[in-house]
Protein backbone atom coordinates (compact mmCIF):
# COMPACT_ATOMS: atom_id res chain seq x y z
CA MET A 1 101.20 99.90 -6.89
CA PRO A 2 99.73 98.27 -3.73
CA MET A 3 95.95 98.45 -3.56
CA THR A 4 93.97 98.64 -0.33
CA ALA A 5 90.29 97.77 -0.05
CA ILE A 6 88.40 99.22 2.91
CA ILE A 7 84.98 97.62 3.40
CA LEU A 8 82.47 99.49 5.55
CA ALA A 9 80.55 96.91 7.60
CA ALA A 10 79.81 98.66 10.88
CA GLY A 11 76.12 99.47 10.36
CA GLU A 12 73.25 97.74 12.08
CA GLY A 13 70.85 97.63 9.16
CA THR A 14 67.71 98.43 11.12
CA ARG A 15 65.42 97.62 8.19
CA MET A 16 66.55 94.00 8.30
CA LYS A 17 64.68 93.67 11.65
CA SER A 18 67.33 91.26 12.92
CA ARG A 19 69.52 90.56 15.94
CA HIS A 20 72.38 89.95 13.48
CA PRO A 21 74.35 92.72 11.73
CA LYS A 22 73.19 93.33 8.19
CA VAL A 23 76.41 92.17 6.54
CA MET A 24 76.08 88.74 8.16
CA HIS A 25 72.85 87.92 6.35
CA LYS A 26 73.50 85.33 3.66
CA LEU A 27 73.10 85.70 -0.07
CA LEU A 28 73.10 82.14 -1.39
CA ASP A 29 75.56 80.37 0.92
CA ARG A 30 77.72 83.22 2.21
CA PRO A 31 77.27 86.40 4.27
CA LEU A 32 77.06 89.65 2.34
CA VAL A 33 80.41 90.90 3.61
CA SER A 34 82.22 87.85 2.21
CA TRP A 35 80.94 88.57 -1.28
CA VAL A 36 82.68 91.94 -1.07
CA THR A 37 85.92 90.59 0.43
CA ARG A 38 85.94 87.96 -2.33
CA ALA A 39 85.59 90.62 -5.04
CA ALA A 40 88.39 92.67 -3.50
CA ARG A 41 90.62 89.61 -3.21
CA GLU A 42 90.07 88.55 -6.81
CA ALA A 43 90.67 92.14 -7.91
CA GLY A 44 94.18 91.87 -6.49
CA ALA A 45 93.86 93.88 -3.28
CA ASP A 46 97.06 93.72 -1.25
CA ARG A 47 95.22 94.59 1.94
CA ILE A 48 91.58 94.03 2.80
CA VAL A 49 90.38 96.01 5.81
CA VAL A 50 86.86 95.54 7.16
CA VAL A 51 85.46 98.21 9.47
CA VAL A 52 83.23 96.48 12.02
CA GLY A 53 80.88 98.00 14.56
CA CYS A 54 77.40 96.67 15.19
CA GLY A 55 77.73 92.97 15.97
CA ALA A 56 81.51 93.30 15.73
CA ASP A 57 82.20 89.99 17.49
CA GLU A 58 79.96 88.05 15.10
CA VAL A 59 81.55 89.65 12.02
CA ARG A 60 85.07 89.15 13.37
CA ALA A 61 84.40 85.50 14.15
CA HIS A 62 83.20 84.89 10.62
CA LEU A 63 86.05 86.78 8.96
CA ALA A 64 88.62 84.94 11.06
CA ASN A 65 88.35 82.21 8.42
CA GLU A 66 89.53 84.67 5.77
CA LYS A 67 93.18 84.93 6.73
CA ASP A 68 93.95 87.91 4.50
CA VAL A 69 91.28 90.15 6.08
CA GLU A 70 92.02 92.70 8.81
CA CYS A 71 89.23 93.97 11.07
CA VAL A 72 89.16 97.46 12.55
CA GLU A 73 86.42 98.44 14.99
CA GLN A 74 84.52 101.72 14.75
CA THR A 75 83.40 101.96 18.37
CA GLU A 76 81.41 105.14 17.72
CA ARG A 77 79.37 105.15 14.54
CA LEU A 78 79.88 108.73 13.40
CA GLY A 79 79.41 108.29 9.66
CA THR A 80 81.20 106.87 6.66
CA GLY A 81 83.94 109.50 6.69
CA HIS A 82 84.69 108.67 10.30
CA ALA A 83 84.77 104.94 9.48
CA ALA A 84 87.31 105.51 6.70
CA ARG A 85 89.45 107.63 9.02
CA VAL A 86 89.38 104.93 11.71
CA ALA A 87 90.57 102.38 9.14
CA LEU A 88 93.39 104.61 7.90
CA GLU A 89 94.60 105.44 11.38
CA ALA A 90 94.49 101.83 12.57
CA THR A 91 96.29 100.37 9.56
CA GLY A 92 98.64 103.20 8.66
CA VAL A 93 97.60 103.11 5.00
CA ASN A 94 98.84 106.31 3.35
CA ALA A 95 99.78 105.39 -0.22
CA GLY A 96 98.52 103.61 -3.31
CA PRO A 97 94.92 103.28 -4.48
CA VAL A 98 92.38 102.97 -1.66
CA VAL A 99 89.01 101.56 -2.69
CA ILE A 100 86.21 102.05 -0.17
CA LEU A 101 83.30 99.64 -0.65
CA ASN A 102 80.12 98.95 1.24
CA GLY A 103 79.77 95.60 2.96
CA ASP A 104 76.25 95.12 1.61
CA LEU A 105 77.25 95.25 -2.07
CA PRO A 106 77.35 91.55 -3.00
CA LEU A 107 77.13 91.77 -6.78
CA ILE A 108 80.12 94.01 -7.40
CA SER A 109 82.61 92.22 -9.65
CA PRO A 110 86.39 91.92 -9.25
CA GLU A 111 86.77 93.58 -12.66
CA THR A 112 84.90 96.65 -11.46
CA VAL A 113 86.93 96.84 -8.25
CA ARG A 114 90.14 96.60 -10.27
CA ALA A 115 88.99 99.31 -12.71
CA PHE A 116 88.02 101.45 -9.72
CA ALA A 117 91.53 101.16 -8.26
CA ASP A 118 93.20 101.77 -11.61
CA SER A 119 91.25 105.02 -12.08
CA VAL A 120 93.29 106.67 -9.29
CA ALA A 121 96.53 104.71 -9.66
CA ASP A 122 98.34 106.94 -12.17
CA GLY A 123 97.93 110.21 -10.26
CA SER A 124 95.68 111.88 -12.83
CA HIS A 125 92.69 111.72 -10.48
CA ALA A 126 92.57 112.07 -6.73
CA ALA A 127 89.24 110.30 -6.37
CA ALA A 128 86.65 108.33 -8.29
CA ILE A 129 82.97 107.66 -7.64
CA LEU A 130 81.29 104.40 -8.57
CA THR A 131 78.22 105.22 -10.64
CA MET A 132 75.39 103.33 -12.25
CA THR A 133 72.18 103.90 -14.17
CA PRO A 134 69.48 101.84 -12.45
CA SER A 135 66.09 101.25 -14.01
CA ASP A 136 64.56 103.25 -11.17
CA PRO A 137 66.99 105.96 -10.05
CA PHE A 138 64.71 107.39 -7.36
CA GLY A 139 66.46 107.68 -4.01
CA TYR A 140 70.02 107.76 -5.38
CA GLY A 141 72.25 110.80 -5.34
CA ARG A 142 73.01 112.11 -8.84
CA VAL A 143 76.50 112.85 -10.11
CA GLU A 144 76.84 116.03 -12.17
CA LEU A 145 79.81 116.03 -14.51
CA ALA A 146 81.80 119.04 -15.67
CA ASP A 147 82.49 119.68 -19.35
CA ASP A 148 85.88 117.96 -19.07
CA GLY A 149 84.30 114.77 -17.68
CA THR A 150 85.41 115.31 -14.11
CA VAL A 151 82.91 115.36 -11.23
CA ALA A 152 81.34 118.74 -10.63
CA ARG A 153 79.16 117.78 -7.66
CA ILE A 154 76.90 115.14 -6.11
CA ILE A 155 73.26 116.15 -5.70
CA GLU A 156 71.22 114.13 -3.22
CA GLN A 157 67.77 112.98 -4.31
CA LYS A 158 65.99 115.35 -1.93
CA ASP A 159 67.88 118.30 -3.41
CA CYS A 160 67.27 117.42 -7.08
CA THR A 161 64.97 119.58 -9.15
CA PRO A 162 62.55 117.72 -11.45
CA GLU A 163 64.78 118.65 -14.38
CA GLN A 164 67.89 117.30 -12.68
CA SER A 165 66.09 114.09 -11.73
CA ALA A 166 65.20 113.57 -15.39
CA GLU A 167 68.50 114.65 -16.95
CA LEU A 168 71.18 113.40 -14.56
CA LEU A 169 71.42 109.68 -15.22
CA GLU A 170 74.64 108.90 -13.34
CA CYS A 171 73.65 107.68 -9.87
CA ASN A 172 76.04 107.43 -6.96
CA ALA A 173 76.48 103.80 -5.83
CA GLY A 174 78.09 104.99 -2.59
CA CYS A 175 81.59 103.60 -3.21
CA TYR A 176 84.75 105.64 -3.65
CA ALA A 177 88.34 105.20 -4.76
CA PHE A 178 91.09 107.56 -3.60
CA ASP A 179 94.74 108.29 -4.05
CA GLY A 180 95.87 106.95 -0.67
CA ALA A 181 98.34 109.73 0.07
CA LEU A 182 95.81 112.48 -0.66
CA LEU A 183 93.08 110.69 1.30
CA ALA A 184 95.32 110.34 4.36
CA ALA A 185 96.42 113.97 4.08
CA HIS A 186 92.94 115.48 3.86
CA ILE A 187 90.46 113.11 5.52
CA GLY A 188 90.72 115.09 8.74
CA GLU A 189 89.07 118.01 6.95
CA ILE A 190 85.68 116.29 6.75
CA GLY A 191 83.33 118.11 9.08
CA ASN A 192 80.09 117.15 10.79
CA ASP A 193 78.12 120.35 10.34
CA ASN A 194 74.93 118.61 9.27
CA ALA A 195 71.64 117.50 10.76
CA GLN A 196 73.02 114.14 11.87
CA HIS A 197 76.36 115.53 13.10
CA GLU A 198 78.13 112.78 11.18
CA TYR A 199 81.23 112.74 9.00
CA TYR A 200 80.23 111.86 5.44
CA LEU A 201 82.72 110.32 3.02
CA PRO A 202 81.17 111.97 -0.09
CA ASP A 203 82.38 115.32 1.31
CA MET A 204 85.89 114.13 0.54
CA VAL A 205 85.23 114.64 -3.17
CA GLU A 206 84.51 118.34 -2.68
CA ILE A 207 87.48 118.70 -0.34
CA LEU A 208 89.88 117.28 -2.91
CA ARG A 209 88.37 119.45 -5.64
CA GLY A 210 88.93 122.43 -3.38
CA HIS A 211 92.61 121.55 -3.25
CA GLY A 212 92.73 121.52 -7.03
CA HIS A 213 92.58 117.78 -7.58
CA ALA A 214 90.44 116.22 -10.28
CA THR A 215 87.85 113.55 -9.59
CA THR A 216 86.26 111.11 -12.01
CA ILE A 217 83.68 108.33 -12.20
CA VAL A 218 83.81 104.60 -12.86
CA HIS A 219 80.54 103.54 -14.43
CA CYS A 220 79.08 100.06 -13.87
CA ALA A 221 77.95 98.73 -17.22
CA ASP A 222 75.62 96.44 -15.28
CA TYR A 223 73.87 98.64 -12.74
CA ARG A 224 73.11 95.64 -10.56
CA GLU A 225 76.73 95.66 -9.37
CA GLY A 226 75.95 98.85 -7.48
CA LEU A 227 72.82 97.59 -5.74
CA GLY A 228 72.98 97.29 -1.98
CA VAL A 229 70.90 95.36 0.53
CA ASN A 230 68.86 97.28 3.08
CA SER A 231 65.95 94.91 3.65
CA ARG A 232 65.10 91.25 3.42
CA VAL A 233 63.08 92.00 0.31
CA GLN A 234 66.18 93.42 -1.38
CA LEU A 235 68.22 90.46 -0.11
CA ALA A 236 65.82 88.08 -1.87
CA GLU A 237 65.91 90.16 -5.05
CA LEU A 238 69.71 90.19 -5.20
CA THR A 239 69.89 86.50 -4.31
CA GLU A 240 67.77 85.76 -7.36
CA ILE A 241 70.09 87.85 -9.53
CA ALA A 242 73.18 86.06 -8.21
CA ARG A 243 71.54 82.67 -8.74
CA ASP A 244 70.70 83.50 -12.34
CA GLN A 245 74.22 84.77 -13.08
CA ILE A 246 75.86 81.63 -11.70
CA ASN A 247 73.41 79.27 -13.39
CA GLU A 248 73.76 81.01 -16.75
CA ARG A 249 77.55 80.70 -16.56
CA LEU A 250 77.37 76.99 -15.72
CA MET A 251 74.87 76.24 -18.47
CA THR A 252 77.13 78.06 -20.92
CA GLU A 253 79.95 75.76 -19.76
CA GLY A 254 77.93 72.61 -20.51
CA VAL A 255 75.79 71.91 -17.42
CA THR A 256 72.11 71.00 -17.86
CA MET A 257 69.45 72.38 -15.52
CA LEU A 258 65.87 71.22 -15.84
CA ASP A 259 64.64 74.30 -13.97
CA PRO A 260 67.32 76.95 -13.32
CA LYS A 261 65.00 78.91 -11.05
CA THR A 262 64.93 76.06 -8.52
CA THR A 263 68.64 75.26 -8.74
CA TRP A 264 70.83 77.07 -6.19
CA ILE A 265 74.62 77.12 -6.48
CA GLY A 266 77.23 79.04 -4.52
CA PRO A 267 79.93 81.14 -6.18
CA ASP A 268 82.82 78.79 -5.33
CA VAL A 269 81.17 75.62 -6.66
CA THR A 270 82.46 73.90 -9.80
CA VAL A 271 80.37 71.55 -11.96
CA GLY A 272 81.63 69.45 -14.87
CA ARG A 273 80.05 69.36 -18.31
CA ASP A 274 77.22 66.98 -19.15
CA THR A 275 76.15 66.95 -15.51
CA VAL A 276 72.39 67.29 -15.00
CA LEU A 277 71.07 69.29 -12.04
CA LEU A 278 67.44 68.54 -11.28
CA PRO A 279 65.03 70.86 -9.41
CA MET A 280 65.73 71.80 -5.78
CA THR A 281 69.41 70.94 -6.03
CA MET A 282 71.60 73.13 -3.78
CA LEU A 283 75.39 73.11 -4.06
CA TRP A 284 77.20 75.15 -1.43
CA GLY A 285 80.69 75.99 -0.19
CA THR A 286 83.62 74.47 -2.04
CA THR A 287 81.64 71.63 -3.59
CA SER A 288 83.15 70.21 -6.78
CA VAL A 289 81.12 67.97 -9.10
CA GLY A 290 82.63 66.02 -11.97
CA GLU A 291 81.33 65.32 -15.46
CA GLY A 292 78.31 63.23 -16.41
CA CYS A 293 76.61 63.25 -13.02
CA THR A 294 72.92 63.49 -12.19
CA LEU A 295 72.09 65.35 -8.99
CA GLY A 296 68.62 65.72 -7.57
CA PRO A 297 65.87 66.30 -7.24
CA ASN A 298 66.02 67.58 -3.65
CA THR A 299 69.77 67.19 -3.21
CA ARG A 300 71.96 69.45 -1.06
CA LEU A 301 75.77 69.23 -0.97
CA THR A 302 78.07 71.39 1.15
CA ASN A 303 81.87 71.24 0.79
CA CYS A 304 81.70 67.93 -1.07
CA THR A 305 83.89 66.40 -3.76
CA VAL A 306 81.96 64.35 -6.32
CA ALA A 307 83.71 62.46 -9.14
CA GLU A 308 82.28 61.66 -12.59
CA ASN A 309 79.20 59.59 -13.44
CA VAL A 310 77.68 59.84 -9.97
CA SER A 311 73.94 59.75 -9.33
CA LEU A 312 72.65 61.41 -6.15
CA GLU A 313 68.89 61.42 -5.64
CA GLU A 314 67.37 63.20 -2.63
CA THR A 315 70.77 63.19 -0.94
CA VAL A 316 72.23 65.49 1.68
CA GLY A 317 76.03 65.56 1.88
CA VAL A 318 78.27 67.64 4.13
CA ASP A 319 82.09 67.43 3.97
CA VAL A 320 82.18 64.14 2.06
CA THR A 321 84.03 62.61 -0.89
CA ILE A 322 82.16 60.54 -3.46
CA GLU A 323 84.16 58.71 -6.12
CA LYS A 324 83.12 57.78 -9.65
CA ASP A 325 80.12 55.64 -10.58
CA VAL A 326 78.49 55.88 -7.14
CA THR A 327 74.71 55.81 -6.77
CA CYS A 328 73.05 57.27 -3.72
CA GLY A 329 69.54 57.80 -2.43
CA PRO A 330 66.77 58.56 -2.40
CA ARG A 331 66.74 60.09 1.08
CA ALA A 332 70.34 59.49 2.10
CA TYR A 333 72.49 61.51 4.48
CA LEU A 334 76.31 61.54 4.22
CA ARG A 335 78.38 63.62 6.61
CA GLY A 336 81.45 64.05 8.77
CA GLY A 337 84.14 63.06 6.32
CA ALA A 338 82.37 60.09 4.79
CA HIS A 339 84.22 58.64 1.78
CA VAL A 340 82.27 56.55 -0.71
CA LEU A 341 84.58 54.70 -3.09
CA ALA A 342 84.03 53.93 -6.76
CA GLY A 343 80.98 51.94 -7.76
CA ALA A 344 79.49 51.80 -4.26
CA HIS A 345 75.78 52.15 -3.58
CA VAL A 346 74.15 53.98 -0.67
CA GLY A 347 70.42 53.47 -0.68
CA THR A 348 67.16 54.69 0.76
CA HIS A 349 67.05 56.08 4.30
CA VAL A 350 70.76 55.44 4.92
CA GLU A 351 73.07 57.62 6.99
CA ILE A 352 76.85 57.44 6.60
CA LYS A 353 79.08 59.28 9.09
CA ASN A 354 82.89 59.42 9.21
CA SER A 355 83.11 56.14 7.33
CA THR A 356 84.71 54.66 4.23
CA ILE A 357 82.43 52.61 1.99
CA GLY A 358 84.61 50.32 -0.09
CA VAL A 359 84.74 49.85 -3.85
CA GLY A 360 81.53 48.27 -5.09
CA SER A 361 80.10 47.88 -1.59
CA LYS A 362 76.39 48.31 -0.89
CA VAL A 363 74.45 49.81 1.98
CA PRO A 364 71.03 49.55 0.34
CA HIS A 365 68.47 50.72 2.88
CA LEU A 366 67.45 51.69 6.41
CA SER A 367 70.96 51.55 7.90
CA TYR A 368 73.33 53.71 9.92
CA ILE A 369 77.06 53.29 9.28
CA GLY A 370 79.13 55.47 11.60
CA ASP A 371 82.89 55.44 12.29
CA CYS A 372 83.41 52.45 10.04
CA THR A 373 86.12 51.30 7.63
CA MET A 374 84.47 49.04 5.06
CA GLY A 375 86.28 47.01 2.43
CA ALA A 376 85.33 46.23 -1.17
CA GLY A 377 82.40 44.12 -2.26
CA VAL A 378 80.57 44.30 1.08
CA ASN A 379 76.79 43.94 1.34
CA ILE A 380 75.04 45.43 4.37
CA GLY A 381 71.52 44.13 4.94
CA GLY A 382 68.65 46.50 5.64
CA GLY A 383 68.21 47.88 9.14
CA SER A 384 71.84 47.31 10.17
CA ILE A 385 73.74 49.64 12.47
CA THR A 386 77.32 50.13 13.59
CA CYS A 387 76.84 50.94 17.27
CA ASN A 388 79.72 53.40 17.50
CA TYR A 389 78.97 55.36 20.68
CA ASP A 390 79.30 53.92 24.18
CA GLY A 391 78.10 57.04 25.92
CA VAL A 392 81.59 58.50 26.26
CA HIS A 393 83.70 57.53 23.25
CA LYS A 394 83.17 56.97 19.53
CA ASN A 395 84.51 53.54 18.49
CA ARG A 396 85.27 52.10 15.08
CA THR A 397 83.97 49.09 13.21
CA VAL A 398 86.28 47.49 10.63
CA ILE A 399 84.65 45.32 7.94
CA GLY A 400 86.89 43.44 5.53
CA ASP A 401 86.42 42.71 1.82
CA ASN A 402 83.48 40.66 0.49
CA VAL A 403 81.66 40.49 3.81
CA PHE A 404 77.92 39.76 3.85
CA VAL A 405 75.99 41.26 6.76
CA GLY A 406 72.41 40.08 7.14
CA SER A 407 69.51 42.40 7.82
CA ASP A 408 68.81 43.90 11.25
CA THR A 409 72.38 43.37 12.48
CA MET A 410 73.94 45.42 15.28
CA MET A 411 77.74 45.70 15.13
CA VAL A 412 78.86 46.93 18.55
CA ALA A 413 82.15 48.79 18.17
CA PRO A 414 85.00 48.37 18.58
CA VAL A 415 84.71 45.24 16.49
CA ASN A 416 86.38 43.70 13.42
CA ILE A 417 84.75 41.47 10.81
CA GLY A 418 87.28 39.60 8.67
CA ASP A 419 87.37 39.19 4.90
CA GLY A 420 84.70 36.98 3.42
CA ALA A 421 82.81 36.54 6.70
CA LEU A 422 79.06 35.95 6.80
CA VAL A 423 76.95 37.51 9.55
CA GLY A 424 73.47 36.07 9.96
CA ALA A 425 70.43 38.32 10.07
CA SER A 426 69.32 39.74 13.43
CA SER A 427 72.73 39.19 14.99
CA CYS A 428 74.35 41.39 17.59
CA VAL A 429 78.09 41.34 16.89
CA THR A 430 80.06 42.02 20.06
CA LYS A 431 83.21 40.02 19.29
CA ASP A 432 85.61 39.99 16.36
CA VAL A 433 84.61 37.68 13.49
CA PRO A 434 87.45 35.75 11.77
CA ALA A 435 87.82 35.77 7.99
CA ASP A 436 85.50 33.41 6.10
CA ALA A 437 83.59 32.57 9.31
CA LEU A 438 79.85 32.46 9.96
CA TYR A 439 78.68 34.60 12.86
CA LEU A 440 75.19 33.87 14.12
CA GLU A 441 73.72 35.18 17.35
CA ARG A 442 70.01 34.56 18.01
CA ALA A 443 67.74 33.36 20.78
CA GLU A 444 66.47 29.81 20.22
CA GLN A 445 63.24 29.77 18.22
CA ARG A 446 60.32 28.19 20.17
CA ILE A 447 57.01 27.04 18.69
CA VAL A 448 53.93 26.17 20.83
CA GLU A 449 51.34 24.49 18.61
CA GLY A 450 47.76 25.79 18.97
CA TYR A 451 48.69 28.45 21.51
CA ALA A 452 47.03 31.35 19.66
CA ALA A 453 43.62 29.67 19.37
CA LYS A 454 43.65 28.61 23.05
CA ARG A 455 44.59 32.16 24.14
CA LEU A 456 41.74 33.67 22.12
CA GLU A 457 39.23 31.18 23.62
CA ARG A 458 40.38 32.01 27.14
CA LEU A 459 40.03 35.75 26.60
CA ARG A 460 36.47 35.32 25.30
CA ARG A 461 35.48 33.33 28.39
CA GLU A 462 36.82 36.07 30.63
CA VAL A 463 34.51 38.60 28.97
């Protein structure tokens, strides 16, 4: 039966003290709302609907990259019940399980979302409440169960007696699952006769019970799945939990971490076995790392593909591909589609941009290689630069196989250096160099014997 996930993401989150909507604050490498859409997607949701409001344009712009997500705007923030009604009316959802999640619930698992949907899929229950038993239940509404295991009522913290606070252990995580047909039929019955004059989604449970429909709970075995983010302190706390969960899984799969508490890895990253991650290594986005690598310390990769037996020390990489047996760093920067082929070396204080570094080639130190196609077996001397920008256009440098480029060489693109060519140190290459040729461009060296001593004597006389 088709499952719909409605994610409530319209709130401002005033306690975040931010000009950005709460759901756009990042946990590890992704905004909170995308953790929830990811869980819904992996749970098998057929439709994912995000209700936006505060900062709607910012949230929409981000979610535009998630092609299976629909956004519906709640122009007036009149409560969670109103938000759910806006989503139903805009999308026409009126059948199948409807799971309503909060956009600030990053640790909820796909398995829990799926179990939530299944609890109302067979028609035996009209609604389900996601519950948990946190270590400190203060502040959470308590769920009172009837003798038959169905939900009797939800008691808010402020209304709990001391006895109820001590005895009622099921806490409301604020998420609900509904039979879609019953939700669509009765959501208009939610009223706003309360101090805030808002329409509250929890009232739907009582409404359905009043119509003779049973409600149940889905309990989170790990209460942390039900924890939301309302402040930057809570964001940091949940980020630490997510980091530990990811790192524990990777170590179980054969990855070594010298200090897991200073190793930060996003949820979509893959790392091969026998790879060693040293302190202050950060792997973000869709980064994939092969087996037997050593990364770090102080290495950050975003959307990178790294093959096996690669060593990256103090390296920053963004949108790059690194093939097997490459060594890189310390203090190297690779970006913009750079492709480093097998056995190449990128050394200290080197930047590579939108370039291919050929098999076994070396860019050892203090160089910038931008918009360059480099062959195999090339050696680039220290302090060399491909001058790729003329003020208007980016131009390419093409370097053939087995080229030797001396130190402090400027290669002014567009320019081609043929196979086996030798470029003398301190040259400025402005014309194509034929294969196997020597290119040398320097001012004539001039020596004036005794000049320094005579200059010093003259200066002393002038004093």
